[in-house]
């Protein structure tokens, strides 16, 4: 079942790219949870000055999107919200595994080279 879902997802993304839909808009919109695994190619977000618990100025980074390149070479944008569970910030070059549902990114976690969670 998982292999069929993965193949269907890859086929859908391939058709979207053939139709000229930008790869970053090709996120799966189905009603069932999907797992996206790949390497972060870019991080989009913002940063601003804030205060830490001691009242000292710090630079606070807020990630808004991760652009991920899947093992098949597809580029997918994972939009992050306040509800997205991100236990550790991902940087370009990191391998991640994300769970999405209905176009929403539910969680993102870093994974090691062998597919193990970090």
PDB file of N, CA and C in Angstrom:
ATOM      1  N   UNK A   1       0.829  -1.188   0.000  1.00  0.00           N
ATOM      2  CA  UNK A   1       0.000   0.000   0.000  1.00  0.00           C
ATOM      3  C   UNK A   1       0.874   1.252   0.000  1.00  0.00           C
ATOM      4  N   UNK A   2       1.917   1.265   0.853  1.00  0.00           N
ATOM      5  CA  UNK A   2       2.800   2.430   0.939  1.00  0.00           C
ATOM      6  C   UNK A   2       3.539   2.643  -0.376  1.00  0.00           C
ATOM      7  N   UNK A   3       3.968   1.538  -1.019  1.00  0.00           N
ATOM      8  CA  UNK A   3       4.684   1.633  -2.290  1.00  0.00           C
ATOM      9  C   UNK A   3       3.776   2.222  -3.357  1.00  0.00           C
ATOM     10  N   UNK A   4       2.504   1.800  -3.359  1.00  0.00           N
ATOM     11  CA  UNK A   4       1.549   2.341  -4.334  1.00  0.00           C
ATOM     12  C   UNK A   4       1.329   3.833  -4.104  1.00  0.00           C
ATOM     13  N   UNK A   5       1.212   4.245  -2.850  1.00  0.00           N
ATOM     14  CA  UNK A   5       1.006   5.656  -2.524  1.00  0.00           C
ATOM     15  C   UNK A   5       2.213   6.478  -2.954  1.00  0.00           C
ATOM     16  N   UNK A   6       3.419   5.952  -2.702  1.00  0.00           N
ATOM     17  CA  UNK A   6       4.638   6.648  -3.098  1.00  0.00           C
ATOM     18  C   UNK A   6       4.711   6.772  -4.617  1.00  0.00           C
ATOM     19  N   UNK A   7       4.384   5.687  -5.308  1.00  0.00           N
ATOM     20  CA  UNK A   7       4.416   5.715  -6.772  1.00  0.00           C
ATOM     21  C   UNK A   7       3.383   6.694  -7.315  1.00  0.00           C
ATOM     22  N   UNK A   8       2.188   6.705  -6.722  1.00  0.00           N
ATOM     23  CA  UNK A   8       1.145   7.635  -7.152  1.00  0.00           C
ATOM     24  C   UNK A   8       1.562   9.082  -6.913  1.00  0.00           C
ATOM     25  N   UNK A   9       2.186   9.342  -5.764  1.00  0.00           N
ATOM     26  CA  UNK A   9       2.667  10.687  -5.468  1.00  0.00           C
ATOM     27  C   UNK A   9       3.717  11.115  -6.479  1.00  0.00           C
ATOM     28  N   UNK A  10       4.686  10.230  -6.758  1.00  0.00           N
ATOM     29  CA  UNK A  10       5.737  10.554  -7.726  1.00  0.00           C
ATOM     30  C   UNK A  10       5.147  10.797  -9.105  1.00  0.00           C
ATOM     31  N   UNK A  11       4.169   9.969  -9.500  1.00  0.00           N
ATOM     32  CA  UNK A  11       3.522  10.131 -10.793  1.00  0.00           C
ATOM     33  C   UNK A  11       2.760  11.454 -10.854  1.00  0.00           C
ATOM     34  N   UNK A  12       2.033  11.787  -9.786  1.00  0.00           N
ATOM     35  CA  UNK A  12       1.285  13.047  -9.744  1.00  0.00           C
ATOM     36  C   UNK A  12       2.207  14.244  -9.864  1.00  0.00           C
ATOM     37  N   UNK A  13       3.320  14.215  -9.121  1.00  0.00           N
ATOM     38  CA  UNK A  13       4.263  15.331  -9.172  1.00  0.00           C
ATOM     39  C   UNK A  13       4.907  15.437 -10.545  1.00  0.00           C
ATOM     40  N   UNK A  14       5.180  14.290 -11.182  1.00  0.00           N
ATOM     41  CA  UNK A  14       5.747  14.293 -12.529  1.00  0.00           C
ATOM     42  C   UNK A  14       4.789  14.907 -13.535  1.00  0.00           C
ATOM     43  N   UNK A  15       3.493  14.548 -13.437  1.00  0.00           N
ATOM     44  CA  UNK A  15       2.485  15.109 -14.330  1.00  0.00           C
ATOM     45  C   UNK A  15       2.362  16.609 -14.114  1.00  0.00           C
ATOM     46  N   UNK A  16       2.385  17.048 -12.862  1.00  0.00           N
ATOM     47  CA  UNK A  16       2.307  18.486 -12.592  1.00  0.00           C
ATOM     48  C   UNK A  16       3.469  19.232 -13.222  1.00  0.00           C
ATOM     49  N   UNK A  17       4.668  18.640 -13.162  1.00  0.00           N
ATOM     50  CA  UNK A  17       5.818  19.325 -13.754  1.00  0.00           C
ATOM     51  C   UNK A  17       5.714  19.348 -15.277  1.00  0.00           C
ATOM     52  N   UNK A  18       5.143  18.293 -15.877  1.00  0.00           N
ATOM     53  CA  UNK A  18       4.948  18.282 -17.323  1.00  0.00           C
ATOM     54  C   UNK A  18       3.914  19.319 -17.759  1.00  0.00           C
ATOM     55  N   UNK A  19       2.950  19.591 -16.899  1.00  0.00           N
ATOM     56  CA  UNK A  19       1.923  20.584 -17.211  1.00  0.00           C
ATOM     57  C   UNK A  19       2.393  22.012 -16.985  1.00  0.00           C
ATOM     58  N   UNK A  20       3.616  22.160 -16.492  1.00  0.00           N
ATOM     59  CA  UNK A  20       4.163  23.491 -16.291  1.00  0.00           C
ATOM     60  C   UNK A  20       3.866  24.078 -14.931  1.00  0.00           C
ATOM     61  N   UNK A  21       3.340  23.282 -14.010  1.00  0.00           N
ATOM     62  CA  UNK A  21       3.101  23.775 -12.661  1.00  0.00           C
ATOM     63  C   UNK A  21       4.447  23.866 -11.965  1.00  0.00           C
ATOM     64  N   UNK A  22       4.792  25.016 -11.377  1.00  0.00           N
ATOM     65  CA  UNK A  22       6.077  25.126 -10.690  1.00  0.00           C
ATOM     66  C   UNK A  22       6.222  24.053  -9.626  1.00  0.00           C
ATOM     67  N   UNK A  23       7.420  23.499  -9.515  1.00  0.00           N
ATOM     68  CA  UNK A  23       7.664  22.402  -8.588  1.00  0.00           C
ATOM     69  C   UNK A  23       7.346  22.782  -7.159  1.00  0.00           C
ATOM     70  N   UNK A  24       7.554  24.041  -6.781  1.00  0.00           N
ATOM     71  CA  UNK A  24       7.318  24.429  -5.395  1.00  0.00           C
ATOM     72  C   UNK A  24       5.830  24.476  -5.058  1.00  0.00           C
ATOM     73  N   UNK A  25       4.948  24.381  -6.060  1.00  0.00           N
ATOM     74  CA  UNK A  25       3.513  24.354  -5.798  1.00  0.00           C
ATOM     75  C   UNK A  25       2.963  22.944  -5.910  1.00  0.00           C
ATOM     76  N   UNK A  26       3.817  21.965  -6.071  1.00  0.00           N
ATOM     77  CA  UNK A  26       3.381  20.603  -6.329  1.00  0.00           C
ATOM     78  C   UNK A  26       3.153  19.795  -5.066  1.00  0.00           C
ATOM     79  N   UNK A  27       2.931  20.462  -3.959  1.00  0.00           N
ATOM     80  CA  UNK A  27       2.713  19.749  -2.711  1.00  0.00           C
ATOM     81  C   UNK A  27       1.433  18.932  -2.797  1.00  0.00           C
ATOM     82  N   UNK A  28       1.473  17.722  -2.249  1.00  0.00           N
ATOM     83  CA  UNK A  28       0.341  16.813  -2.293  1.00  0.00           C
ATOM     84  C   UNK A  28      -0.827  17.408  -1.511  1.00  0.00           C
ATOM     85  N   UNK A  29      -2.020  17.399  -2.106  1.00  0.00           N
ATOM     86  CA  UNK A  29      -3.198  17.991  -1.487  1.00  0.00           C
ATOM     87  C   UNK A  29      -4.218  16.944  -1.054  1.00  0.00           C
ATOM     88  N   UNK A  30      -3.856  15.668  -1.022  1.00  0.00           N
ATOM     89  CA  UNK A  30      -4.817  14.622  -0.682  1.00  0.00           C
ATOM     90  C   UNK A  30      -5.232  14.717   0.779  1.00  0.00           C
ATOM     91  N   UNK A  31      -6.326  14.012   1.115  1.00  0.00           N
ATOM     92  CA  UNK A  31      -6.867  14.061   2.460  1.00  0.00           C
ATOM     93  C   UNK A  31      -6.171  13.143   3.446  1.00  0.00           C
ATOM     94  N   UNK A  32      -5.285  12.267   2.972  1.00  0.00           N
ATOM     95  CA  UNK A  32      -4.584  11.368   3.883  1.00  0.00           C
ATOM     96  C   UNK A  32      -3.187  11.896   4.151  1.00  0.00           C
ATOM     97  N   UNK A  33      -2.672  11.546   5.304  1.00  0.00           N
ATOM     98  CA  UNK A  33      -1.327  12.009   5.679  1.00  0.00           C
ATOM     99  C   UNK A  33      -0.294  11.424   4.722  1.00  0.00           C
ATOM    100  N   UNK A  34       0.662  12.250   4.326  1.00  0.00           N
ATOM    101  CA  UNK A  34       1.749  11.860   3.436  1.00  0.00           C
ATOM    102  C   UNK A  34       3.070  12.116   4.138  1.00  0.00           C
ATOM    103  N   UNK A  35       4.058  11.312   3.860  1.00  0.00           N
ATOM    104  CA  UNK A  35       5.395  11.536   4.385  1.00  0.00           C
ATOM    105  C   UNK A  35       6.288  12.007   3.248  1.00  0.00           C
ATOM    106  N   UNK A  36       6.972  13.122   3.470  1.00  0.00           N
ATOM    107  CA  UNK A  36       7.921  13.668   2.502  1.00  0.00           C
ATOM    108  C   UNK A  36       9.301  13.551   3.115  1.00  0.00           C
ATOM    109  N   UNK A  37      10.210  12.892   2.409  1.00  0.00           N
ATOM    110  CA  UNK A  37      11.581  12.739   2.876  1.00  0.00           C
ATOM    111  C   UNK A  37      12.511  13.327   1.830  1.00  0.00           C
ATOM    112  N   UNK A  38      13.503  14.077   2.277  1.00  0.00           N
ATOM    113  CA  UNK A  38      14.451  14.640   1.333  1.00  0.00           C
ATOM    114  C   UNK A  38      15.442  15.557   2.012  1.00  0.00           C
ATOM    115  N   UNK A  39      16.188  16.275   1.194  1.00  0.00           N
ATOM    116  CA  UNK A  39      17.224  17.185   1.688  1.00  0.00           C
ATOM    117  C   UNK A  39      16.747  18.620   1.551  1.00  0.00           C
ATOM    118  N   UNK A  40      16.930  19.405   2.606  1.00  0.00           N
ATOM    119  CA  UNK A  40      16.541  20.808   2.584  1.00  0.00           C
ATOM    120  C   UNK A  40      17.486  21.548   1.635  1.00  0.00           C
ATOM    121  N   UNK A  41      16.903  22.199   0.629  1.00  0.00           N
ATOM    122  CA  UNK A  41      17.727  22.963  -0.311  1.00  0.00           C
ATOM    123  C   UNK A  41      17.724  24.448   0.025  1.00  0.00           C
ATOM    124  N   UNK A  42      16.660  24.913   0.703  1.00  0.00           N
ATOM    125  CA  UNK A  42      16.586  26.326   1.093  1.00  0.00           C
ATOM    126  C   UNK A  42      15.599  26.480   2.244  1.00  0.00           C
ATOM    127  N   UNK A  43      15.798  27.538   3.016  1.00  0.00           N
ATOM    128  CA  UNK A  43      14.897  27.880   4.118  1.00  0.00           C
ATOM    129  C   UNK A  43      14.452  29.320   3.892  1.00  0.00           C
ATOM    130  N   UNK A  44      13.148  29.539   3.937  1.00  0.00           N
ATOM    131  CA  UNK A  44      12.610  30.884   3.795  1.00  0.00           C
ATOM    132  C   UNK A  44      12.006  31.288   5.135  1.00  0.00           C
ATOM    133  N   UNK A  45      12.276  32.483   5.547  1.00  0.00           N
ATOM    134  CA  UNK A  45      11.747  32.929   6.827  1.00  0.00           C
ATOM    135  C   UNK A  45      12.109  34.369   7.099  1.00  0.00           C
ATOM    136  N   UNK A  46      12.129  34.683   8.377  1.00  0.00           N
ATOM    137  CA  UNK A  46      12.459  36.049   8.784  1.00  0.00           C
ATOM    138  C   UNK A  46      13.232  35.995  10.087  1.00  0.00           C
ATOM    139  N   UNK A  47      13.882  37.082  10.389  1.00  0.00           N
ATOM    140  CA  UNK A  47      14.577  37.174  11.670  1.00  0.00           C
ATOM    141  C   UNK A  47      14.440  38.591  12.190  1.00  0.00           C
ATOM    142  N   UNK A  48      14.483  38.695  13.497  1.00  0.00           N
ATOM    143  CA  UNK A  48      14.380  40.003  14.126  1.00  0.00           C
ATOM    144  C   UNK A  48      15.055  39.957  15.492  1.00  0.00           C
ATOM    145  N   UNK A  49      15.276  41.120  16.037  1.00  0.00           N
ATOM    146  CA  UNK A  49      15.899  41.205  17.353  1.00  0.00           C
ATOM    147  C   UNK A  49      14.861  40.899  18.430  1.00  0.00           C
ATOM    148  N   UNK A  50      15.294  40.181  19.456  1.00  0.00           N
ATOM    149  CA  UNK A  50      14.426  39.840  20.589  1.00  0.00           C
ATOM    150  C   UNK A  50      15.276  39.882  21.853  1.00  0.00           C
ATOM    151  N   UNK A  51      14.658  39.604  22.974  1.00  0.00           N
ATOM    152  CA  UNK A  51      15.366  39.557  24.258  1.00  0.00           C
ATOM    153  C   UNK A  51      15.348  38.120  24.771  1.00  0.00           C
ATOM    154  N   UNK A  52      16.480  37.668  25.311  1.00  0.00           N
ATOM    155  CA  UNK A  52      16.500  36.350  25.928  1.00  0.00           C
ATOM    156  C   UNK A  52      16.028  36.448  27.375  1.00  0.00           C
ATOM    157  N   UNK A  53      16.090  35.340  28.102  1.00  0.00           N
ATOM    158  CA  UNK A  53      15.575  35.325  29.478  1.00  0.00           C
ATOM    159  C   UNK A  53      16.352  36.241  30.415  1.00  0.00           C
ATOM    160  N   UNK A  54      17.580  36.639  30.015  1.00  0.00           N
ATOM    161  CA  UNK A  54      18.377  37.564  30.827  1.00  0.00           C
ATOM    162  C   UNK A  54      18.176  39.015  30.413  1.00  0.00           C
ATOM    163  N   UNK A  55      17.338  39.242  29.387  1.00  0.00           N
ATOM    164  CA  UNK A  55      17.096  40.585  28.903  1.00  0.00           C
ATOM    165  C   UNK A  55      18.118  41.057  27.882  1.00  0.00           C
ATOM    166  N   UNK A  56      18.988  40.154  27.427  1.00  0.00           N
ATOM    167  CA  UNK A  56      19.997  40.511  26.421  1.00  0.00           C
ATOM    168  C   UNK A  56      19.423  40.352  25.019  1.00  0.00           C
ATOM    169  N   UNK A  57      19.896  41.213  24.101  1.00  0.00           N
ATOM    170  CA  UNK A  57      19.445  41.144  22.717  1.00  0.00           C
ATOM    171  C   UNK A  57      19.939  39.858  22.065  1.00  0.00           C
ATOM    172  N   UNK A  58      19.034  39.219  21.313  1.00  0.00           N
ATOM    173  CA  UNK A  58      19.389  38.046  20.531  1.00  0.00           C
ATOM    174  C   UNK A  58      18.744  38.179  19.157  1.00  0.00           C
ATOM    175  N   UNK A  59      19.226  37.402  18.216  1.00  0.00           N
ATOM    176  CA  UNK A  59      18.645  37.352  16.880  1.00  0.00           C
ATOM    177  C   UNK A  59      17.694  36.159  16.851  1.00  0.00           C
ATOM    178  N   UNK A  60      16.393  36.413  16.670  1.00  0.00           N
ATOM    179  CA  UNK A  60      15.394  35.357  16.653  1.00  0.00           C
ATOM    180  C   UNK A  60      15.041  35.027  15.204  1.00  0.00           C
ATOM    181  N   UNK A  61      15.136  33.730  14.840  1.00  0.00           N
ATOM    182  CA  UNK A  61      14.817  33.292  13.484  1.00  0.00           C
ATOM    183  C   UNK A  61      13.475  32.567  13.493  1.00  0.00           C
ATOM    184  N   UNK A  62      12.631  32.900  12.531  1.00  0.00           N
ATOM    185  CA  UNK A  62      11.330  32.257  12.385  1.00  0.00           C
ATOM    186  C   UNK A  62      11.260  31.687  10.975  1.00  0.00           C
ATOM    187  N   UNK A  63      11.292  30.353  10.869  1.00  0.00           N
ATOM    188  CA  UNK A  63      11.214  29.708   9.556  1.00  0.00           C
ATOM    189  C   UNK A  63       9.766  29.691   9.080  1.00  0.00           C
ATOM    190  N   UNK A  64       9.562  30.029   7.801  1.00  0.00           N
ATOM    191  CA  UNK A  64       8.226  30.035   7.205  1.00  0.00           C
ATOM    192  C   UNK A  64       8.039  28.873   6.232  1.00  0.00           C
ATOM    193  N   UNK A  65       9.106  28.476   5.537  1.00  0.00           N
ATOM    194  CA  UNK A  65       9.032  27.385   4.564  1.00  0.00           C
ATOM    195  C   UNK A  65      10.367  26.673   4.465  1.00  0.00           C
ATOM    196  N   UNK A  66      10.290  25.370   4.224  1.00  0.00           N
ATOM    197  CA  UNK A  66      11.464  24.585   3.863  1.00  0.00           C
ATOM    198  C   UNK A  66      11.247  24.122   2.425  1.00  0.00           C
ATOM    199  N   UNK A  67      12.258  24.295   1.596  1.00  0.00           N
ATOM    200  CA  UNK A  67      12.230  23.768   0.237  1.00  0.00           C
ATOM    201  C   UNK A  67      13.046  22.486   0.270  1.00  0.00           C
ATOM    202  N   UNK A  68      12.401  21.384  -0.101  1.00  0.00           N
ATOM    203  CA  UNK A  68      13.003  20.059   0.038  1.00  0.00           C
ATOM    204  C   UNK A  68      13.153  19.424  -1.329  1.00  0.00           C
ATOM    205  N   UNK A  69      14.318  18.818  -1.574  1.00  0.00           N
ATOM    206  CA  UNK A  69      14.546  18.043  -2.780  1.00  0.00           C
ATOM    207  C   UNK A  69      14.422  16.576  -2.400  1.00  0.00           C
ATOM    208  N   UNK A  70      13.449  15.887  -3.013  1.00  0.00           N
ATOM    209  CA  UNK A  70      13.205  14.480  -2.713  1.00  0.00           C
ATOM    210  C   UNK A  70      14.241  13.606  -3.414  1.00  0.00           C
ATOM    211  N   UNK A  71      14.321  12.335  -3.046  1.00  0.00           N
ATOM    212  CA  UNK A  71      15.275  11.438  -3.723  1.00  0.00           C
ATOM    213  C   UNK A  71      15.052  11.335  -5.231  1.00  0.00           C
ATOM    214  N   UNK A  72      13.836  11.636  -5.714  1.00  0.00           N
ATOM    215  CA  UNK A  72      13.562  11.590  -7.153  1.00  0.00           C
ATOM    216  C   UNK A  72      13.914  12.901  -7.846  1.00  0.00           C
ATOM    217  N   UNK A  73      14.378  13.910  -7.060  1.00  0.00           N
ATOM    218  CA  UNK A  73      14.771  15.193  -7.628  1.00  0.00           C
ATOM    219  C   UNK A  73      13.672  16.236  -7.638  1.00  0.00           C
ATOM    220  N   UNK A  74      12.500  15.894  -7.144  1.00  0.00           N
ATOM    221  CA  UNK A  74      11.380  16.842  -7.103  1.00  0.00           C
ATOM    222  C   UNK A  74      11.619  17.867  -6.008  1.00  0.00           C
ATOM    223  N   UNK A  75      11.310  19.117  -6.278  1.00  0.00           N
ATOM    224  CA  UNK A  75      11.427  20.208  -5.299  1.00  0.00           C
ATOM    225  C   UNK A  75      10.037  20.475  -4.736  1.00  0.00           C
ATOM    226  N   UNK A  76       9.902  20.397  -3.404  1.00  0.00           N
ATOM    227  CA  UNK A  76       8.620  20.608  -2.742  1.00  0.00           C
ATOM    228  C   UNK A  76       8.786  21.682  -1.679  1.00  0.00           C
ATOM    229  N   UNK A  77       7.813  22.582  -1.598  1.00  0.00           N
ATOM    230  CA  UNK A  77       7.808  23.610  -0.556  1.00  0.00           C
ATOM    231  C   UNK A  77       6.937  23.115   0.586  1.00  0.00           C
ATOM    232  N   UNK A  78       7.501  23.090   1.787  1.00  0.00           N
ATOM    233  CA  UNK A  78       6.757  22.735   2.994  1.00  0.00           C
ATOM    234  C   UNK A  78       6.527  24.019   3.775  1.00  0.00           C
ATOM    235  N   UNK A  79       5.301  24.510   3.785  1.00  0.00           N
ATOM    236  CA  UNK A  79       4.980  25.740   4.514  1.00  0.00           C
ATOM    237  C   UNK A  79       4.801  25.408   5.987  1.00  0.00           C
ATOM    238  N   UNK A  80       5.430  26.208   6.841  1.00  0.00           N
ATOM    239  CA  UNK A  80       5.369  25.992   8.279  1.00  0.00           C
ATOM    240  C   UNK A  80       4.415  26.982   8.916  1.00  0.00           C
ATOM    241  N   UNK A  81       3.679  26.521   9.926  1.00  0.00           N
ATOM    242  CA  UNK A  81       2.788  27.385  10.691  1.00  0.00           C
ATOM    243  C   UNK A  81       3.120  27.220  12.170  1.00  0.00           C
ATOM    244  N   UNK A  82       2.430  27.955  13.005  1.00  0.00           N
ATOM    245  CA  UNK A  82       2.638  27.815  14.449  1.00  0.00           C
ATOM    246  C   UNK A  82       2.252  26.428  14.936  1.00  0.00           C
ATOM    247  N   UNK A  83       1.367  25.759  14.200  1.00  0.00           N
ATOM    248  CA  UNK A  83       0.919  24.420  14.583  1.00  0.00           C
ATOM    249  C   UNK A  83       1.883  23.320  14.138  1.00  0.00           C
ATOM    250  N   UNK A  84       2.794  23.627  13.221  1.00  0.00           N
ATOM    251  CA  UNK A  84       3.746  22.622  12.740  1.00  0.00           C
ATOM    252  C   UNK A  84       4.729  22.267  13.853  1.00  0.00           C
ATOM    253  N   UNK A  85       4.861  20.977  14.123  1.00  0.00           N
ATOM    254  CA  UNK A  85       5.798  20.521  15.154  1.00  0.00           C
ATOM    255  C   UNK A  85       7.187  20.399  14.530  1.00  0.00           C
ATOM    256  N   UNK A  86       8.107  21.244  14.998  1.00  0.00           N
ATOM    257  CA  UNK A  86       9.486  21.254  14.508  1.00  0.00           C
ATOM    258  C   UNK A  86      10.399  21.230  15.729  1.00  0.00           C
ATOM    259  N   UNK A  87      10.800  20.028  16.205  1.00  0.00           N
ATOM    260  CA  UNK A  87      11.618  19.957  17.418  1.00  0.00           C
ATOM    261  C   UNK A  87      13.021  20.543  17.258  1.00  0.00           C
ATOM    262  N   UNK A  88      13.557  20.522  16.045  1.00  0.00           N
ATOM    263  CA  UNK A  88      14.893  21.079  15.798  1.00  0.00           C
ATOM    264  C   UNK A  88      14.891  21.761  14.439  1.00  0.00           C
ATOM    265  N   UNK A  89      15.453  22.957  14.379  1.00  0.00           N
ATOM    266  CA  UNK A  89      15.496  23.743  13.141  1.00  0.00           C
ATOM    267  C   UNK A  89      16.340  23.024  12.092  1.00  0.00           C
ATOM    268  N   UNK A  90      15.830  23.002  10.856  1.00  0.00           N
ATOM    269  CA  UNK A  90      16.556  22.408   9.739  1.00  0.00           C
ATOM    270  C   UNK A  90      17.269  23.501   8.956  1.00  0.00           C
ATOM    271  N   UNK A  91      18.431  23.175   8.432  1.00  0.00           N
ATOM    272  CA  UNK A  91      19.222  24.092   7.620  1.00  0.00           C
ATOM    273  C   UNK A  91      19.461  23.465   6.259  1.00  0.00           C
ATOM    274  N   UNK A  92      19.791  24.264   5.246  1.00  0.00           N
ATOM    275  CA  UNK A  92      20.115  23.688   3.944  1.00  0.00           C
ATOM    276  C   UNK A  92      21.178  22.593   4.082  1.00  0.00           C
ATOM    277  N   UNK A  93      20.930  21.472   3.422  1.00  0.00           N
ATOM    278  CA  UNK A  93      21.825  20.322   3.492  1.00  0.00           C
ATOM    279  C   UNK A  93      21.351  19.246   4.451  1.00  0.00           C
ATOM    280  N   UNK A  94      20.479  19.609   5.408  1.00  0.00           N
ATOM    281  CA  UNK A  94      19.947  18.622   6.353  1.00  0.00           C
ATOM    282  C   UNK A  94      18.936  17.720   5.658  1.00  0.00           C
ATOM    283  N   UNK A  95      18.900  16.455   6.099  1.00  0.00           N
ATOM    284  CA  UNK A  95      17.877  15.524   5.625  1.00  0.00           C
ATOM    285  C   UNK A  95      16.720  15.562   6.616  1.00  0.00           C
ATOM    286  N   UNK A  96      15.490  15.658   6.078  1.00  0.00           N
ATOM    287  CA  UNK A  96      14.325  15.735   6.939  1.00  0.00           C
ATOM    288  C   UNK A  96      13.263  14.730   6.508  1.00  0.00           C
ATOM    289  N   UNK A  97      12.342  14.504   7.417  1.00  0.00           N
ATOM    290  CA  UNK A  97      11.135  13.726   7.136  1.00  0.00           C
ATOM    291  C   UNK A  97       9.978  14.568   7.646  1.00  0.00           C
ATOM    292  N   UNK A  98       9.020  14.850   6.776  1.00  0.00           N
ATOM    293  CA  UNK A  98       7.884  15.693   7.145  1.00  0.00           C
ATOM    294  C   UNK A  98       6.587  14.936   6.914  1.00  0.00           C
ATOM    295  N   UNK A  99       5.607  15.222   7.740  1.00  0.00           N
ATOM    296  CA  UNK A  99       4.273  14.657   7.573  1.00  0.00           C
ATOM    297  C   UNK A  99       3.351  15.801   7.162  1.00  0.00           C
ATOM    298  N   UNK A 100       2.644  15.604   6.031  1.00  0.00           N
ATOM    299  CA  UNK A 100       1.727  16.616   5.532  1.00  0.00           C
ATOM    300  C   UNK A 100       0.337  16.000   5.376  1.00  0.00           C
ATOM    301  N   UNK A 101      -0.668  16.854   5.455  1.00  0.00           N
ATOM    302  CA  UNK A 101      -2.043  16.414   5.227  1.00  0.00           C
ATOM    303  C   UNK A 101      -2.838  17.605   4.721  1.00  0.00           C
ATOM    304  N   UNK A 102      -3.535  17.408   3.615  1.00  0.00           N
ATOM    305  CA  UNK A 102      -4.360  18.459   2.999  1.00  0.00           C
ATOM    306  C   UNK A 102      -3.561  19.740   2.774  1.00  0.00           C
ATOM    307  N   UNK A 103      -2.319  19.610   2.338  1.00  0.00           N
ATOM    308  CA  UNK A 103      -1.492  20.773   2.049  1.00  0.00           C
ATOM    309  C   UNK A 103      -0.873  21.436   3.261  1.00  0.00           C
ATOM    310  N   UNK A 104      -1.140  20.931   4.460  1.00  0.00           N
ATOM    311  CA  UNK A 104      -0.589  21.485   5.694  1.00  0.00           C
ATOM    312  C   UNK A 104       0.575  20.619   6.163  1.00  0.00           C
ATOM    313  N   UNK A 105       1.658  21.255   6.605  1.00  0.00           N
ATOM    314  CA  UNK A 105       2.791  20.523   7.161  1.00  0.00           C
ATOM    315  C   UNK A 105       2.525  20.335   8.650  1.00  0.00           C
ATOM    316  N   UNK A 106       2.351  19.079   9.064  1.00  0.00           N
ATOM    317  CA  UNK A 106       2.031  18.770  10.458  1.00  0.00           C
ATOM    318  C   UNK A 106       3.272  18.688  11.326  1.00  0.00           C
ATOM    319  N   UNK A 107       4.343  18.069  10.785  1.00  0.00           N
ATOM    320  CA  UNK A 107       5.574  17.929  11.562  1.00  0.00           C
ATOM    321  C   UNK A 107       6.766  17.790  10.635  1.00  0.00           C
ATOM    322  N   UNK A 108       7.924  18.188  11.154  1.00  0.00           N
ATOM    323  CA  UNK A 108       9.188  18.075  10.431  1.00  0.00           C
ATOM    324  C   UNK A 108      10.225  17.603  11.426  1.00  0.00           C
ATOM    325  N   UNK A 109      10.971  16.549  11.088  1.00  0.00           N
ATOM    326  CA  UNK A 109      12.049  16.104  11.967  1.00  0.00           C
ATOM    327  C   UNK A 109      13.294  15.838  11.145  1.00  0.00           C
ATOM    328  N   UNK A 110      14.432  16.075  11.777  1.00  0.00           N
ATOM    329  CA  UNK A 110      15.722  15.790  11.150  1.00  0.00           C
ATOM    330  C   UNK A 110      15.942  14.288  11.168  1.00  0.00           C
ATOM    331  N   UNK A 111      16.522  13.762  10.089  1.00  0.00           N
ATOM    332  CA  UNK A 111      16.866  12.335  10.031  1.00  0.00           C
ATOM    333  C   UNK A 111      18.327  12.200   9.654  1.00  0.00           C
ATOM    334  N   UNK A 112      18.956  11.131  10.131  1.00  0.00           N
ATOM    335  CA  UNK A 112      20.356  10.872   9.812  1.00  0.00           C
ATOM    336  C   UNK A 112      20.495  10.294   8.417  1.00  0.00           C
ATOM    337  N   UNK A 113      21.735  10.051   8.020  1.00  0.00           N
ATOM    338  CA  UNK A 113      22.013   9.507   6.690  1.00  0.00           C
ATOM    339  C   UNK A 113      21.386   8.147   6.466  1.00  0.00           C
ATOM    340  N   UNK A 114      21.266   7.361   7.534  1.00  0.00           N
ATOM    341  CA  UNK A 114      20.711   6.018   7.409  1.00  0.00           C
ATOM    342  C   UNK A 114      19.199   6.009   7.634  1.00  0.00           C
ATOM    343  N   UNK A 115      18.563   7.186   7.670  1.00  0.00           N
ATOM    344  CA  UNK A 115      17.126   7.274   7.877  1.00  0.00           C
ATOM    345  C   UNK A 115      16.716   7.236   9.321  1.00  0.00           C
ATOM    346  N   UNK A 116      17.685   7.329  10.242  1.00  0.00           N
ATOM    347  CA  UNK A 116      17.372   7.317  11.658  1.00  0.00           C
ATOM    348  C   UNK A 116      17.085   8.722  12.140  1.00  0.00           C
ATOM    349  N   UNK A 117      16.148   8.848  13.064  1.00  0.00           N
ATOM    350  CA  UNK A 117      15.810  10.158  13.621  1.00  0.00           C
ATOM    351  C   UNK A 117      16.950  10.679  14.480  1.00  0.00           C
ATOM    352  N   UNK A 118      17.117  12.026  14.442  1.00  0.00           N
ATOM    353  CA  UNK A 118      18.112  12.653  15.328  1.00  0.00           C
ATOM    354  C   UNK A 118      17.389  13.419  16.395  1.00  0.00           C
TER     355      UNK A 118
END
